[in-house]
Amino acid sequence: MMMQMLTAGGIEPMTDGLRTADDSNPQGYYELEKVKDLEKTPDKTWLRDARGKAVKIIAFLMQHLPETLNYKVVFMNRRLDEVLASQTKMLDKLGEDTATEDPRMRELYIDHLARTKSLLRYRPCFDVLHVTYRDVIEDGSTHADQLNRFLGGRLDAQAMAAVVDPELYRNRS
């Protein structure tokens, strides 16, 4: 949803289109395969080409971003039960193991999020706006305005708010 909002507002997404829309994410994934290599490869020069664009990066990989660049981070917070339910459904559809129901997985995820938020708070290369998924669903206009201000005030906030689709909020806790 956030990548859709940013795109509608006028920010070009960096995506390769390899992962296409499906039942789990009918609006698409807006992913870039290079992002998955952030922890594995020392070559991160492609990040310079991302200036002014939107790049979707999962929380785990934030620690691998070089401090030589500055980042505007929109950190999407979502209730853990909802995240795990969504992951379980997606893995079930793919026929993969659903270890997301394991209580240890929950604790690892909680610990990981705490460490990631600390990293974002203390590394000076990050300027962060925390956004709560449920709040955006409930009041897209207010959050589109907030995003627009955070990102410099040149986006189309009305277009951003218009793409918020409460029907896609299917894993509520």
Protein backbone atom coordinates (compact mmCIF):
# COMPACT_ATOMS: atom_id res chain seq x y z
CA MET A 1 0.00 0.00 0.00
CA MET A 2 2.77 2.46 0.87
CA MET A 3 4.55 1.96 -2.43
CA GLN A 4 1.24 2.51 -4.23
CA MET A 5 0.74 5.74 -2.29
CA LEU A 6 4.22 7.02 -3.06
CA THR A 7 3.85 6.16 -6.75
CA ALA A 8 0.44 7.85 -6.97
CA GLY A 9 1.93 10.90 -5.27
CA GLY A 10 4.57 11.26 -7.95
CA ILE A 11 7.61 9.31 -6.74
CA GLU A 12 9.00 6.82 -9.23
CA PRO A 13 9.30 3.34 -7.73
CA MET A 14 12.46 1.31 -8.29
CA THR A 15 11.08 -2.06 -9.22
CA ASP A 16 12.02 -4.77 -11.67
CA GLY A 17 8.54 -6.29 -12.04
CA LEU A 18 9.83 -9.83 -11.45
CA ARG A 19 7.32 -10.55 -8.69
CA THR A 20 3.89 -9.92 -10.11
CA ALA A 21 0.54 -9.34 -8.44
CA ASP A 22 -1.22 -12.38 -7.00
CA ASP A 23 -4.02 -13.24 -4.55
CA SER A 24 -1.84 -12.33 -1.57
CA ASN A 25 -1.02 -8.90 -2.99
CA PRO A 26 -3.40 -8.02 -5.84
CA GLN A 27 -1.86 -4.57 -6.41
CA GLY A 28 1.64 -5.98 -6.85
CA TYR A 29 4.81 -6.12 -4.79
CA TYR A 30 6.90 -3.16 -6.02
CA GLU A 31 10.10 -5.10 -5.34
CA LEU A 32 13.61 -4.86 -6.69
CA GLU A 33 15.69 -8.04 -6.70
CA LYS A 34 18.92 -6.10 -5.95
CA VAL A 35 17.51 -5.24 -2.53
CA LYS A 36 17.66 -8.89 -1.51
CA ASP A 37 21.43 -8.81 -2.09
CA LEU A 38 22.11 -5.92 0.31
CA GLU A 39 23.54 -8.24 2.97
CA LYS A 40 25.45 -10.43 0.52
CA THR A 41 27.20 -8.09 -1.87
CA PRO A 42 29.60 -5.24 -1.17
CA ASP A 43 28.52 -3.47 -4.40
CA LYS A 44 25.81 -1.06 -3.40
CA THR A 45 26.55 1.59 -6.02
CA TRP A 46 23.06 1.11 -7.49
CA LEU A 47 21.68 2.93 -4.43
CA ARG A 48 22.93 6.23 -5.86
CA ASP A 49 20.51 5.70 -8.76
CA ALA A 50 17.70 5.42 -6.21
CA ARG A 51 17.93 9.08 -5.18
CA GLY A 52 14.48 10.63 -5.41
CA LYS A 53 12.84 7.25 -5.99
CA ALA A 54 10.95 4.83 -3.75
CA VAL A 55 12.67 1.55 -2.87
CA LYS A 56 10.95 -1.12 -0.82
CA ILE A 57 13.37 -2.59 1.74
CA ILE A 58 12.35 -5.00 4.50
CA ALA A 59 13.38 -4.09 8.04
CA PHE A 60 16.00 -6.84 8.27
CA LEU A 61 18.02 -5.37 5.40
CA MET A 62 18.10 -1.78 6.70
CA GLN A 63 21.27 -2.57 8.65
CA HIS A 64 23.10 -3.24 5.37
CA LEU A 65 22.52 0.20 3.89
CA PRO A 66 25.78 2.18 3.67
CA GLU A 67 26.08 5.19 5.97
CA THR A 68 27.68 7.17 3.13
CA LEU A 69 24.18 8.00 1.80
CA ASN A 70 21.20 9.64 3.48
CA TYR A 71 17.79 7.98 3.52
CA LYS A 72 14.21 9.12 4.03
CA VAL A 73 12.60 6.04 5.58
CA VAL A 74 8.87 5.51 5.81
CA PHE A 75 8.69 2.69 8.35
CA MET A 76 5.38 0.87 8.10
CA ASN A 77 4.33 -0.52 11.46
CA ARG A 78 1.73 -3.26 11.58
CA ARG A 79 0.41 -5.40 14.40
CA LEU A 80 2.50 -8.53 14.71
CA ASP A 81 -0.53 -10.84 14.68
CA GLU A 82 -1.56 -9.33 11.35
CA VAL A 83 1.91 -9.70 9.86
CA LEU A 84 2.18 -13.33 10.94
CA ALA A 85 -1.34 -14.13 9.71
CA SER A 86 -0.55 -12.59 6.34
CA GLN A 87 2.75 -14.49 6.08
CA THR A 88 1.06 -17.76 7.06
CA LYS A 89 -1.62 -17.37 4.37
CA MET A 90 0.94 -16.53 1.72
CA LEU A 91 3.20 -19.47 2.66
CA ASP A 92 0.21 -21.83 2.74
CA LYS A 93 -0.71 -20.81 -0.80
CA LEU A 94 2.86 -21.46 -1.90
CA GLY A 95 2.87 -24.85 -0.16
CA GLU A 96 5.73 -23.83 2.13
CA ASP A 97 6.29 -24.41 5.85
CA THR A 98 4.34 -22.02 8.07
CA ALA A 99 6.75 -21.62 10.97
CA THR A 100 5.16 -18.21 11.57
CA GLU A 101 2.90 -19.87 14.17
CA ASP A 102 5.92 -20.87 16.27
CA PRO A 103 6.11 -18.78 19.49
CA ARG A 104 9.89 -18.52 19.06
CA MET A 105 9.33 -16.92 15.67
CA ARG A 106 7.19 -14.25 17.34
CA GLU A 107 9.90 -13.48 19.91
CA LEU A 108 12.61 -13.32 17.24
CA TYR A 109 10.48 -10.94 15.21
CA ILE A 110 9.80 -8.68 18.21
CA ASP A 111 13.50 -8.57 19.04
CA HIS A 112 14.43 -7.89 15.43
CA LEU A 113 11.99 -4.98 15.16
CA ALA A 114 13.33 -3.43 18.36
CA ARG A 115 16.89 -3.64 17.05
CA THR A 116 15.90 -2.21 13.68
CA LYS A 117 14.06 0.74 15.25
CA SER A 118 17.10 1.43 17.45
CA LEU A 119 19.36 1.36 14.38
CA LEU A 120 17.08 3.81 12.58
CA ARG A 121 16.99 6.10 15.60
CA TYR A 122 20.74 6.28 16.18
CA ARG A 123 22.32 6.17 12.72
CA PRO A 124 22.44 9.76 11.45
CA CYS A 125 21.95 8.71 7.82
CA PHE A 126 18.30 7.86 8.52
CA ASP A 127 15.43 10.35 8.68
CA VAL A 128 12.42 8.27 9.70
CA LEU A 129 8.65 8.66 9.62
CA HIS A 130 6.80 5.89 11.46
CA VAL A 131 3.40 5.10 9.97
CA THR A 132 0.89 2.58 11.31
CA TYR A 133 -0.82 0.47 8.67
CA ARG A 134 -4.21 0.46 10.40
CA ASP A 135 -4.13 4.25 10.87
CA VAL A 136 -3.45 4.79 7.17
CA ILE A 137 -6.38 2.50 6.27
CA GLU A 138 -8.65 4.44 8.64
CA ASP A 139 -7.54 7.93 7.56
CA GLY A 140 -5.60 7.92 4.32
CA SER A 141 -5.91 11.67 3.77
CA THR A 142 -4.26 12.69 7.02
CA HIS A 143 -1.41 10.27 6.47
CA ALA A 144 -0.97 11.27 2.83
CA ASP A 145 -0.57 14.88 4.00
CA GLN A 146 1.94 13.77 6.64
CA LEU A 147 3.91 11.78 4.05
CA ASN A 148 3.89 14.70 1.66
CA ARG A 149 5.34 17.04 4.31
CA PHE A 150 7.98 14.47 5.32
CA LEU A 151 9.06 14.00 1.71
CA GLY A 152 9.34 17.69 0.85
CA GLY A 153 5.78 18.85 0.13
CA ARG A 154 5.76 18.34 -3.65
CA LEU A 155 3.61 15.20 -3.87
CA ASP A 156 -0.03 14.82 -4.84
CA ALA A 157 -1.51 13.99 -1.43
CA GLN A 158 -5.04 13.55 -2.83
CA ALA A 159 -3.84 10.93 -5.30
CA MET A 160 -1.90 9.21 -2.52
CA ALA A 161 -4.99 9.03 -0.29
CA ALA A 162 -7.13 7.77 -3.18
CA VAL A 163 -5.15 4.52 -3.52
CA VAL A 164 -5.76 3.46 0.09
CA ASP A 165 -8.12 0.49 -0.21
CA PRO A 166 -9.66 -0.76 3.06
CA GLU A 167 -10.87 -3.87 1.20
CA LEU A 168 -7.26 -5.07 1.06
CA TYR A 169 -6.96 -4.99 4.85
CA ARG A 170 -7.76 -8.68 5.16
CA ASN A 171 -5.61 -9.87 8.07
CA ARG A 172 -6.94 -7.83 10.96
CA SER A 173 -6.22 -8.66 14.56
